[in-house]
Amino acid sequence: MLQRDLQSLYDQGYFGLEKDTRSIPYGWSINAQWRGSNSKVMSTEVAEHYLLLEQLLPQSVPSDVKRSVHIKAEQALKRLNGHVPDWLATFPKPSLKVNIDTQLVEQIEHAIKYKRAVSAELYRVLYDEAHWLKFAELSFYNIVEQGGVLMAQFMVGTLHDKCYQMPVYRIRNVHILQKTRREPSTEQLKSLRSAINKGMKQEAIELIVKVPIHSAVNQGFIELGELTDKQKIDDKNVLLTYQTINTEQLTDELFKCAHWLEVIKPEKLRQRIVSKLKAATTNYL
C-alpha cells in the first residue's frame, strides 16, 4: 500500500519524490530542492502539499518521519492563515482519500448531541517539536467540513474564553465526561468565524525586495513566495520579485530581516515594516 501511494504521489509530481528502479521494491528519496527547504516562509504551493502529505501518512511510517511532517504541516497552516485549500476536497485519486477514524467522529458527534464535555489529546507543535498533549476538559460544539477536511470546533477548560478549530485527524483518545460542556457565546462564535474568514480571504500580492547578492534570500535559503523575477542593481544588491500571500507571518519575517532587506513594493507592506521599525527605535531611545 505504501508503494502504491508513493507511486501515486510521484506520478503527480508531489513532494519532490524521486524513484530508484534499480531494486524491487523501489527505493524512494526526496530531491535536494525539497530536502533543503528550510525557509522560514514557505511558498503557498509547498504549504498546501505539506497539508496533503500529513493526511496521507500511512501508519507504518516511522515516528520520526511523522513528527517531521507534522511540524512542517503546522508551519503550512500558519502560512495559509489556518485555511485548508479547497482543492483538497476535489483531489482526483480515490486511493489517496483521507482515512477518517469513524469511531472518533462518532464520539465527538455524541458529545455535541448530548452536550457533554470530553477529555482528549490534541496534536500540537511547541518550540519546533510535535507532541500529543492531553487536555482534561474540552467542549466540542460543532463539526464542519472545510476544503474536504473535517474540522472540530471547541473550547478549552472551564475558564479560557477562546474558540478553536482543528482538523479531526489531529485529535485522539476522546473520553466523554459526565459533565455538561461549555456553550460558546455569540461573541465567541463571531470571533472564530472572523478568524476563519480572514484565513479564507487571503490577499495575493506582488512583493519586491532589495537584498544583498550574498544574502540568504538571494541564495534561496529563505523563500518569500514564488520567485518571478530577479534584477541585478549593482555589484552588491539585487531586486527580487515574488508572487506571495500577504500574511502576518510574512510581515514578521520581513521585519526580522529589515537590517539588510528593504521592501520596495507593495507600499502598504513597506509602511507596516517602517511602523514596526519606528516602534522598535522608540523603545531603545
C-alpha atoms as a PDB file:
ATOM      1  CA  MET A   1       0.000   0.000   0.000  1.00  0.00           C
ATOM      2  CA  LEU A   2       2.842   2.383   0.844  1.00  0.00           C
ATOM      3  CA  GLN A   3       4.479   1.729  -2.548  1.00  0.00           C
ATOM      4  CA  ARG A   4       1.176   2.389  -4.327  1.00  0.00           C
ATOM      5  CA  ASP A   5       0.582   5.654  -2.504  1.00  0.00           C
ATOM      6  CA  LEU A   6       4.144   6.814  -3.130  1.00  0.00           C
ATOM      7  CA  GLN A   7       3.746   5.946  -6.823  1.00  0.00           C
ATOM      8  CA  SER A   8       0.530   7.986  -6.996  1.00  0.00           C
ATOM      9  CA  LEU A   9       2.246  10.985  -5.405  1.00  0.00           C
ATOM     10  CA  TYR A  10       5.263  10.530  -7.708  1.00  0.00           C
ATOM     11  CA  ASP A  11       3.031  10.445 -10.809  1.00  0.00           C
ATOM     12  CA  GLN A  12       1.566  13.804  -9.850  1.00  0.00           C
ATOM     13  CA  GLY A  13       4.891  15.401  -9.022  1.00  0.00           C
ATOM     14  CA  TYR A  14       4.256  15.967  -5.324  1.00  0.00           C
ATOM     15  CA  PHE A  15       6.857  16.433  -2.549  1.00  0.00           C
ATOM     16  CA  GLY A  16       9.910  16.226  -4.820  1.00  0.00           C
ATOM     17  CA  LEU A  17       9.750  12.422  -4.801  1.00  0.00           C
ATOM     18  CA  GLU A  18      12.385  10.564  -6.849  1.00  0.00           C
ATOM     19  CA  LYS A  19      12.144   6.843  -7.681  1.00  0.00           C
ATOM     20  CA  ASP A  20      15.060   4.406  -7.868  1.00  0.00           C
ATOM     21  CA  THR A  21      14.001   1.487 -10.110  1.00  0.00           C
ATOM     22  CA  ARG A  22      17.247  -0.456  -9.734  1.00  0.00           C
ATOM     23  CA  SER A  23      15.724  -2.599  -6.987  1.00  0.00           C
ATOM     24  CA  ILE A  24      12.329  -4.036  -6.011  1.00  0.00           C
ATOM     25  CA  PRO A  25      10.597  -2.719  -4.000  1.00  0.00           C
ATOM     26  CA  TYR A  26      11.577   0.633  -5.462  1.00  0.00           C
ATOM     27  CA  GLY A  27      13.729   2.988  -3.451  1.00  0.00           C
ATOM     28  CA  TRP A  28      12.356   6.447  -2.759  1.00  0.00           C
ATOM     29  CA  SER A  29      14.029   9.745  -1.931  1.00  0.00           C
ATOM     30  CA  ILE A  30      13.246  13.465  -1.861  1.00  0.00           C
ATOM     31  CA  ASN A  31      15.164  15.727  -4.221  1.00  0.00           C
ATOM     32  CA  ALA A  32      17.603  18.344  -2.965  1.00  0.00           C
ATOM     33  CA  GLN A  33      15.246  21.274  -3.539  1.00  0.00           C
ATOM     34  CA  TRP A  34      12.660  19.834  -1.130  1.00  0.00           C
ATOM     35  CA  ARG A  35      15.203  18.342   1.237  1.00  0.00           C
ATOM     36  CA  GLY A  36      16.899  21.689   1.658  1.00  0.00           C
ATOM     37  CA  SER A  37      13.660  23.592   2.102  1.00  0.00           C
ATOM     38  CA  ASN A  38      14.421  25.128   5.479  1.00  0.00           C
ATOM     39  CA  SER A  39      12.963  28.516   4.575  1.00  0.00           C
ATOM     40  CA  LYS A  40      11.086  30.273   7.330  1.00  0.00           C
ATOM     41  CA  VAL A  41       8.328  31.416   4.960  1.00  0.00           C
ATOM     42  CA  MET A  42       7.343  28.561   2.643  1.00  0.00           C
ATOM     43  CA  SER A  43       5.562  29.083  -0.668  1.00  0.00           C
ATOM     44  CA  THR A  44       1.799  28.604  -0.865  1.00  0.00           C
ATOM     45  CA  GLU A  45       2.242  25.552  -3.118  1.00  0.00           C
ATOM     46  CA  VAL A  46       4.682  23.860  -0.745  1.00  0.00           C
ATOM     47  CA  ALA A  47       2.405  24.650   2.211  1.00  0.00           C
ATOM     48  CA  GLU A  48      -0.584  23.011   0.506  1.00  0.00           C
ATOM     49  CA  HIS A  49       1.490  19.936  -0.354  1.00  0.00           C
ATOM     50  CA  TYR A  50       2.599  19.508   3.256  1.00  0.00           C
ATOM     51  CA  LEU A  51      -1.030  19.614   4.427  1.00  0.00           C
ATOM     52  CA  LEU A  52      -1.871  16.893   1.925  1.00  0.00           C
ATOM     53  CA  LEU A  53       1.157  14.807   2.871  1.00  0.00           C
ATOM     54  CA  GLU A  54       0.230  14.945   6.565  1.00  0.00           C
ATOM     55  CA  GLN A  55      -3.193  13.462   5.818  1.00  0.00           C
ATOM     56  CA  LEU A  56      -1.806  10.679   3.615  1.00  0.00           C
ATOM     57  CA  LEU A  57       0.827   9.350   6.023  1.00  0.00           C
ATOM     58  CA  PRO A  58       0.380   5.570   6.476  1.00  0.00           C
ATOM     59  CA  GLN A  59       0.548   4.132   9.994  1.00  0.00           C
ATOM     60  CA  SER A  60       3.689   2.209   9.004  1.00  0.00           C
ATOM     61  CA  VAL A  61       5.763   5.370   8.553  1.00  0.00           C
ATOM     62  CA  PRO A  62       8.464   5.725  11.272  1.00  0.00           C
ATOM     63  CA  SER A  63       7.574   8.069  14.121  1.00  0.00           C
ATOM     64  CA  ASP A  64      10.451  10.461  13.403  1.00  0.00           C
ATOM     65  CA  VAL A  65       9.191  10.917   9.835  1.00  0.00           C
ATOM     66  CA  LYS A  66       5.665  11.550  11.102  1.00  0.00           C
ATOM     67  CA  ARG A  67       6.971  14.098  13.591  1.00  0.00           C
ATOM     68  CA  SER A  68       8.918  15.926  10.884  1.00  0.00           C
ATOM     69  CA  VAL A  69       5.895  16.065   8.570  1.00  0.00           C
ATOM     70  CA  HIS A  70       3.586  17.225  11.381  1.00  0.00           C
ATOM     71  CA  ILE A  71       5.957  20.094  12.178  1.00  0.00           C
ATOM     72  CA  LYS A  72       6.023  21.158   8.528  1.00  0.00           C
ATOM     73  CA  ALA A  73       2.221  20.870   8.315  1.00  0.00           C
ATOM     74  CA  GLU A  74       1.879  23.111  11.370  1.00  0.00           C
ATOM     75  CA  GLN A  75       4.067  25.696   9.633  1.00  0.00           C
ATOM     76  CA  ALA A  76       1.970  25.255   6.487  1.00  0.00           C
ATOM     77  CA  LEU A  77      -1.263  26.014   8.359  1.00  0.00           C
ATOM     78  CA  LYS A  78       0.292  29.223   9.671  1.00  0.00           C
ATOM     79  CA  ARG A  79       1.466  30.089   6.142  1.00  0.00           C
ATOM     80  CA  LEU A  80      -2.121  29.724   4.902  1.00  0.00           C
ATOM     81  CA  ASN A  81      -3.654  31.592   7.869  1.00  0.00           C
ATOM     82  CA  GLY A  82      -5.258  28.370   9.081  1.00  0.00           C
ATOM     83  CA  HIS A  83      -7.279  27.908   5.877  1.00  0.00           C
ATOM     84  CA  VAL A  84      -7.242  24.430   4.315  1.00  0.00           C
ATOM     85  CA  PRO A  85      -7.254  24.827   0.488  1.00  0.00           C
ATOM     86  CA  ASP A  86     -10.452  23.891  -1.347  1.00  0.00           C
ATOM     87  CA  TRP A  87      -8.634  21.722  -3.898  1.00  0.00           C
ATOM     88  CA  LEU A  88      -8.135  19.041  -1.243  1.00  0.00           C
ATOM     89  CA  ALA A  89     -11.877  18.383  -1.486  1.00  0.00           C
ATOM     90  CA  THR A  90     -11.601  17.530  -5.193  1.00  0.00           C
ATOM     91  CA  PHE A  91      -8.372  15.525  -5.107  1.00  0.00           C
ATOM     92  CA  PRO A  92      -8.716  13.148  -8.099  1.00  0.00           C
ATOM     93  CA  LYS A  93      -7.044   9.999  -6.749  1.00  0.00           C
ATOM     94  CA  PRO A  94      -9.585   7.793  -4.888  1.00  0.00           C
ATOM     95  CA  SER A  95      -6.752   5.747  -3.331  1.00  0.00           C
ATOM     96  CA  LEU A  96      -5.466   8.889  -1.618  1.00  0.00           C
ATOM     97  CA  LYS A  97      -8.591   9.904   0.252  1.00  0.00           C
ATOM     98  CA  VAL A  98      -8.056  10.688   3.911  1.00  0.00           C
ATOM     99  CA  ASN A  99      -8.779   7.791   6.231  1.00  0.00           C
ATOM    100  CA  ILE A 100     -11.247   9.117   8.805  1.00  0.00           C
ATOM    101  CA  ASP A 101     -11.435   7.476  12.222  1.00  0.00           C
ATOM    102  CA  THR A 102     -15.201   6.930  12.213  1.00  0.00           C
ATOM    103  CA  GLN A 103     -15.267   5.941  15.890  1.00  0.00           C
ATOM    104  CA  LEU A 104     -13.557   9.201  16.827  1.00  0.00           C
ATOM    105  CA  VAL A 105     -16.033  11.207  14.758  1.00  0.00           C
ATOM    106  CA  GLU A 106     -18.945   9.344  16.365  1.00  0.00           C
ATOM    107  CA  GLN A 107     -17.603  10.142  19.845  1.00  0.00           C
ATOM    108  CA  ILE A 108     -17.298  13.836  19.041  1.00  0.00           C
ATOM    109  CA  GLU A 109     -20.772  13.909  17.470  1.00  0.00           C
ATOM    110  CA  HIS A 110     -22.188  12.109  20.528  1.00  0.00           C
ATOM    111  CA  ALA A 111     -20.589  14.675  22.838  1.00  0.00           C
ATOM    112  CA  ILE A 112     -22.025  17.501  20.726  1.00  0.00           C
ATOM    113  CA  LYS A 113     -25.521  15.991  20.577  1.00  0.00           C
ATOM    114  CA  TYR A 114     -25.759  15.336  24.321  1.00  0.00           C
ATOM    115  CA  LYS A 115     -23.793  18.454  25.305  1.00  0.00           C
ATOM    116  CA  ARG A 116     -21.093  16.568  27.169  1.00  0.00           C
ATOM    117  CA  ALA A 117     -17.569  17.718  27.952  1.00  0.00           C
ATOM    118  CA  VAL A 118     -14.721  15.383  26.971  1.00  0.00           C
ATOM    119  CA  SER A 119     -11.072  14.762  27.684  1.00  0.00           C
ATOM    120  CA  ALA A 120      -8.798  14.216  24.681  1.00  0.00           C
ATOM    121  CA  GLU A 121      -5.309  14.527  23.243  1.00  0.00           C
ATOM    122  CA  LEU A 122      -4.538  17.196  20.632  1.00  0.00           C
ATOM    123  CA  TYR A 123      -1.548  17.192  18.315  1.00  0.00           C
ATOM    124  CA  ARG A 124       0.375  20.452  18.715  1.00  0.00           C
ATOM    125  CA  VAL A 125       3.796  21.809  17.838  1.00  0.00           C
ATOM    126  CA  LEU A 126       5.736  23.512  20.634  1.00  0.00           C
ATOM    127  CA  TYR A 127       9.175  25.008  20.059  1.00  0.00           C
ATOM    128  CA  ASP A 128       9.562  23.078  16.766  1.00  0.00           C
ATOM    129  CA  GLU A 129       8.724  19.766  18.476  1.00  0.00           C
ATOM    130  CA  ALA A 130       5.477  17.895  17.791  1.00  0.00           C
ATOM    131  CA  HIS A 131       3.623  16.419  20.776  1.00  0.00           C
ATOM    132  CA  TRP A 132       0.302  14.819  21.686  1.00  0.00           C
ATOM    133  CA  LEU A 133      -0.935  16.985  24.561  1.00  0.00           C
ATOM    134  CA  LYS A 134      -3.638  15.755  26.939  1.00  0.00           C
ATOM    135  CA  PHE A 135      -6.461  18.135  27.831  1.00  0.00           C
ATOM    136  CA  ALA A 136      -8.576  17.264  30.865  1.00  0.00           C
ATOM    137  CA  GLU A 137     -11.627  19.107  29.568  1.00  0.00           C
ATOM    138  CA  LEU A 138     -12.727  20.168  26.090  1.00  0.00           C
ATOM    139  CA  SER A 139     -16.151  21.333  24.944  1.00  0.00           C
ATOM    140  CA  PHE A 140     -16.856  20.329  21.337  1.00  0.00           C
ATOM    141  CA  TYR A 141     -19.836  22.159  19.889  1.00  0.00           C
ATOM    142  CA  ASN A 142     -19.593  21.655  16.112  1.00  0.00           C
ATOM    143  CA  ILE A 143     -18.015  19.637  13.290  1.00  0.00           C
ATOM    144  CA  VAL A 144     -17.718  21.289   9.883  1.00  0.00           C
ATOM    145  CA  GLU A 145     -16.128  20.346   6.578  1.00  0.00           C
ATOM    146  CA  GLN A 146     -13.614  22.784   5.138  1.00  0.00           C
ATOM    147  CA  GLY A 147     -11.769  22.053   1.922  1.00  0.00           C
ATOM    148  CA  GLY A 148     -12.677  18.371   2.198  1.00  0.00           C
ATOM    149  CA  VAL A 149     -11.293  18.118   5.749  1.00  0.00           C
ATOM    150  CA  LEU A 150     -13.417  17.536   8.856  1.00  0.00           C
ATOM    151  CA  MET A 151     -12.755  20.290  11.396  1.00  0.00           C
ATOM    152  CA  ALA A 152     -13.849  20.155  15.043  1.00  0.00           C
ATOM    153  CA  GLN A 153     -14.753  23.395  16.832  1.00  0.00           C
ATOM    154  CA  PHE A 154     -14.290  23.514  20.590  1.00  0.00           C
ATOM    155  CA  MET A 155     -13.424  25.418  23.764  1.00  0.00           C
ATOM    156  CA  VAL A 156     -10.692  24.519  26.262  1.00  0.00           C
ATOM    157  CA  GLY A 157     -11.123  24.040  30.007  1.00  0.00           C
ATOM    158  CA  THR A 158     -13.550  25.979  32.171  1.00  0.00           C
ATOM    159  CA  LEU A 159     -12.124  29.498  32.067  1.00  0.00           C
ATOM    160  CA  HIS A 160     -10.439  30.078  28.705  1.00  0.00           C
ATOM    161  CA  ASP A 161     -12.916  32.009  26.552  1.00  0.00           C
ATOM    162  CA  LYS A 162     -11.473  31.492  23.067  1.00  0.00           C
ATOM    163  CA  CYS A 163     -12.988  29.112  20.489  1.00  0.00           C
ATOM    164  CA  TYR A 164     -10.716  26.898  18.396  1.00  0.00           C
ATOM    165  CA  GLN A 165     -10.950  24.904  15.173  1.00  0.00           C
ATOM    166  CA  MET A 166      -8.733  21.879  14.465  1.00  0.00           C
ATOM    167  CA  PRO A 167      -8.672  19.013  11.916  1.00  0.00           C
ATOM    168  CA  VAL A 168     -10.247  15.872  13.377  1.00  0.00           C
ATOM    169  CA  TYR A 169      -7.192  13.829  12.373  1.00  0.00           C
ATOM    170  CA  ARG A 170      -5.209  15.813  14.985  1.00  0.00           C
ATOM    171  CA  ILE A 171      -7.436  14.582  17.820  1.00  0.00           C
ATOM    172  CA  ARG A 172      -7.287  11.206  19.580  1.00  0.00           C
ATOM    173  CA  ASN A 173      -8.236   9.333  22.783  1.00  0.00           C
ATOM    174  CA  VAL A 174     -11.553  11.107  23.275  1.00  0.00           C
ATOM    175  CA  HIS A 175     -13.339  10.187  26.523  1.00  0.00           C
ATOM    176  CA  ILE A 176     -16.817  11.519  27.241  1.00  0.00           C
ATOM    177  CA  LEU A 177     -17.161  13.006  30.718  1.00  0.00           C
ATOM    178  CA  GLN A 178     -20.192  13.047  32.987  1.00  0.00           C
ATOM    179  CA  LYS A 179     -20.168  16.799  32.829  1.00  0.00           C
ATOM    180  CA  THR A 180     -22.104  19.337  30.783  1.00  0.00           C
ATOM    181  CA  ARG A 181     -19.995  21.087  28.181  1.00  0.00           C
ATOM    182  CA  ARG A 182     -19.494  24.837  28.000  1.00  0.00           C
ATOM    183  CA  GLU A 183     -21.555  26.796  25.496  1.00  0.00           C
ATOM    184  CA  PRO A 184     -19.809  29.466  23.405  1.00  0.00           C
ATOM    185  CA  SER A 185     -21.350  32.920  23.432  1.00  0.00           C
ATOM    186  CA  THR A 186     -22.463  34.736  20.290  1.00  0.00           C
ATOM    187  CA  GLU A 187     -19.404  36.972  20.557  1.00  0.00           C
ATOM    188  CA  GLN A 188     -17.044  33.994  20.831  1.00  0.00           C
ATOM    189  CA  LEU A 189     -18.580  32.334  17.769  1.00  0.00           C
ATOM    190  CA  LYS A 190     -18.331  35.606  15.866  1.00  0.00           C
ATOM    191  CA  SER A 191     -14.641  35.858  16.762  1.00  0.00           C
ATOM    192  CA  LEU A 192     -13.944  32.334  15.460  1.00  0.00           C
ATOM    193  CA  ARG A 193     -15.868  32.960  12.216  1.00  0.00           C
ATOM    194  CA  SER A 194     -13.920  36.168  11.734  1.00  0.00           C
ATOM    195  CA  ALA A 195     -10.617  34.324  12.148  1.00  0.00           C
ATOM    196  CA  ILE A 196     -11.689  31.605   9.681  1.00  0.00           C
ATOM    197  CA  ASN A 197     -12.908  34.148   7.120  1.00  0.00           C
ATOM    198  CA  LYS A 198      -9.663  36.071   7.440  1.00  0.00           C
ATOM    199  CA  GLY A 199      -7.779  32.917   6.543  1.00  0.00           C
ATOM    200  CA  MET A 200     -10.037  32.254   3.543  1.00  0.00           C
ATOM    201  CA  LYS A 201      -9.770  35.803   2.192  1.00  0.00           C
ATOM    202  CA  GLN A 202      -6.072  35.687   1.519  1.00  0.00           C
ATOM    203  CA  GLU A 203      -4.652  38.630  -0.386  1.00  0.00           C
ATOM    204  CA  ALA A 204      -2.255  37.733  -3.192  1.00  0.00           C
ATOM    205  CA  ILE A 205       0.426  40.379  -3.671  1.00  0.00           C
ATOM    206  CA  GLU A 206       3.470  41.097  -5.800  1.00  0.00           C
ATOM    207  CA  LEU A 207       6.347  41.542  -3.376  1.00  0.00           C
ATOM    208  CA  ILE A 208       9.511  43.355  -4.492  1.00  0.00           C
ATOM    209  CA  VAL A 209      12.503  43.425  -2.153  1.00  0.00           C
ATOM    210  CA  LYS A 210      16.044  44.744  -2.381  1.00  0.00           C
ATOM    211  CA  VAL A 211      18.637  42.409  -0.869  1.00  0.00           C
ATOM    212  CA  PRO A 212      22.420  41.910  -0.917  1.00  0.00           C
ATOM    213  CA  ILE A 213      23.646  39.481  -3.569  1.00  0.00           C
ATOM    214  CA  HIS A 214      25.150  37.171  -0.939  1.00  0.00           C
ATOM    215  CA  SER A 215      22.078  37.269   1.333  1.00  0.00           C
ATOM    216  CA  ALA A 216      20.174  34.174   2.446  1.00  0.00           C
ATOM    217  CA  VAL A 217      17.139  35.358   0.469  1.00  0.00           C
ATOM    218  CA  ASN A 218      19.030  35.704  -2.817  1.00  0.00           C
ATOM    219  CA  GLN A 219      20.741  32.357  -2.250  1.00  0.00           C
ATOM    220  CA  GLY A 220      17.326  30.714  -1.827  1.00  0.00           C
ATOM    221  CA  PHE A 221      17.712  29.688   1.822  1.00  0.00           C
ATOM    222  CA  ILE A 222      14.820  31.951   2.844  1.00  0.00           C
ATOM    223  CA  GLU A 223      11.828  31.788   0.498  1.00  0.00           C
ATOM    224  CA  LEU A 224       9.315  34.633   0.487  1.00  0.00           C
ATOM    225  CA  GLY A 225       6.951  33.202  -2.114  1.00  0.00           C
ATOM    226  CA  GLU A 226       7.159  32.212  -5.788  1.00  0.00           C
ATOM    227  CA  LEU A 227      10.152  33.993  -7.333  1.00  0.00           C
ATOM    228  CA  THR A 228       9.119  35.535 -10.682  1.00  0.00           C
ATOM    229  CA  ASP A 229      11.917  37.996 -11.447  1.00  0.00           C
ATOM    230  CA  LYS A 230      15.476  38.844 -10.420  1.00  0.00           C
ATOM    231  CA  GLN A 231      17.299  42.034 -11.436  1.00  0.00           C
ATOM    232  CA  LYS A 232      20.864  42.920 -10.562  1.00  0.00           C
ATOM    233  CA  ILE A 233      21.095  46.555  -9.404  1.00  0.00           C
ATOM    234  CA  ASP A 234      24.850  46.806  -8.830  1.00  0.00           C
ATOM    235  CA  ASP A 235      27.734  44.672  -7.624  1.00  0.00           C
ATOM    236  CA  LYS A 236      26.204  44.382  -4.168  1.00  0.00           C
ATOM    237  CA  ASN A 237      22.387  44.272  -4.497  1.00  0.00           C
ATOM    238  CA  VAL A 238      19.549  42.655  -6.442  1.00  0.00           C
ATOM    239  CA  LEU A 239      15.804  43.253  -6.783  1.00  0.00           C
ATOM    240  CA  LEU A 240      13.694  40.124  -6.271  1.00  0.00           C
ATOM    241  CA  THR A 241      10.031  39.912  -7.280  1.00  0.00           C
ATOM    242  CA  TYR A 242       7.711  37.337  -5.701  1.00  0.00           C
ATOM    243  CA  GLN A 243       4.090  36.291  -6.041  1.00  0.00           C
ATOM    244  CA  THR A 244       3.031  35.587  -2.472  1.00  0.00           C
ATOM    245  CA  ILE A 245       0.262  35.841   0.131  1.00  0.00           C
ATOM    246  CA  ASN A 246       0.042  38.840   2.453  1.00  0.00           C
ATOM    247  CA  THR A 247       0.115  37.334   5.967  1.00  0.00           C
ATOM    248  CA  GLU A 248       1.314  38.372   9.407  1.00  0.00           C
ATOM    249  CA  GLN A 249       3.975  35.667   9.194  1.00  0.00           C
ATOM    250  CA  LEU A 250       5.360  37.307   6.043  1.00  0.00           C
ATOM    251  CA  THR A 251       5.408  40.726   7.739  1.00  0.00           C
ATOM    252  CA  ASP A 252       7.209  39.300  10.774  1.00  0.00           C
ATOM    253  CA  GLU A 253       9.830  37.599   8.615  1.00  0.00           C
ATOM    254  CA  LEU A 254      10.476  40.769   6.601  1.00  0.00           C
ATOM    255  CA  PHE A 255      10.809  42.757   9.823  1.00  0.00           C
ATOM    256  CA  LYS A 256      13.385  40.299  11.188  1.00  0.00           C
ATOM    257  CA  CYS A 257      15.459  40.843   8.038  1.00  0.00           C
ATOM    258  CA  ALA A 258      14.956  44.621   7.924  1.00  0.00           C
ATOM    259  CA  HIS A 259      18.597  45.407   8.802  1.00  0.00           C
ATOM    260  CA  TRP A 260      19.645  44.090   5.375  1.00  0.00           C
ATOM    261  CA  LEU A 261      16.394  43.630   3.390  1.00  0.00           C
ATOM    262  CA  GLU A 262      14.306  46.533   2.045  1.00  0.00           C
ATOM    263  CA  VAL A 263      10.671  46.139   0.967  1.00  0.00           C
ATOM    264  CA  ILE A 264      10.110  48.167  -2.214  1.00  0.00           C
ATOM    265  CA  LYS A 265       6.520  47.127  -3.010  1.00  0.00           C
ATOM    266  CA  PRO A 266       3.690  46.969  -2.074  1.00  0.00           C
ATOM    267  CA  GLU A 267       3.663  50.340  -0.343  1.00  0.00           C
ATOM    268  CA  LYS A 268       1.228  49.248   2.402  1.00  0.00           C
ATOM    269  CA  LEU A 269       3.509  46.388   3.419  1.00  0.00           C
ATOM    270  CA  ARG A 270       6.527  48.696   3.309  1.00  0.00           C
ATOM    271  CA  GLN A 271       4.752  51.120   5.649  1.00  0.00           C
ATOM    272  CA  ARG A 272       3.945  48.300   8.088  1.00  0.00           C
ATOM    273  CA  ILE A 273       7.640  47.467   8.287  1.00  0.00           C
ATOM    274  CA  VAL A 274       8.508  51.155   8.711  1.00  0.00           C
ATOM    275  CA  SER A 275       5.985  51.447  11.566  1.00  0.00           C
ATOM    276  CA  LYS A 276       7.494  48.426  13.313  1.00  0.00           C
ATOM    277  CA  LEU A 277      10.992  49.885  12.905  1.00  0.00           C
ATOM    278  CA  LYS A 278       9.879  53.230  14.358  1.00  0.00           C
ATOM    279  CA  ALA A 279       8.280  51.481  17.333  1.00  0.00           C
ATOM    280  CA  ALA A 280      11.452  49.460  17.925  1.00  0.00           C
ATOM    281  CA  THR A 281      13.592  52.609  17.677  1.00  0.00           C
ATOM    282  CA  THR A 282      11.384  54.375  20.232  1.00  0.00           C
ATOM    283  CA  ASN A 283      11.937  51.549  22.710  1.00  0.00           C
ATOM    284  CA  TYR A 284      15.710  51.970  22.516  1.00  0.00           C
ATOM    285  CA  LEU A 285      15.941  55.780  22.606  1.00  0.00           C
END
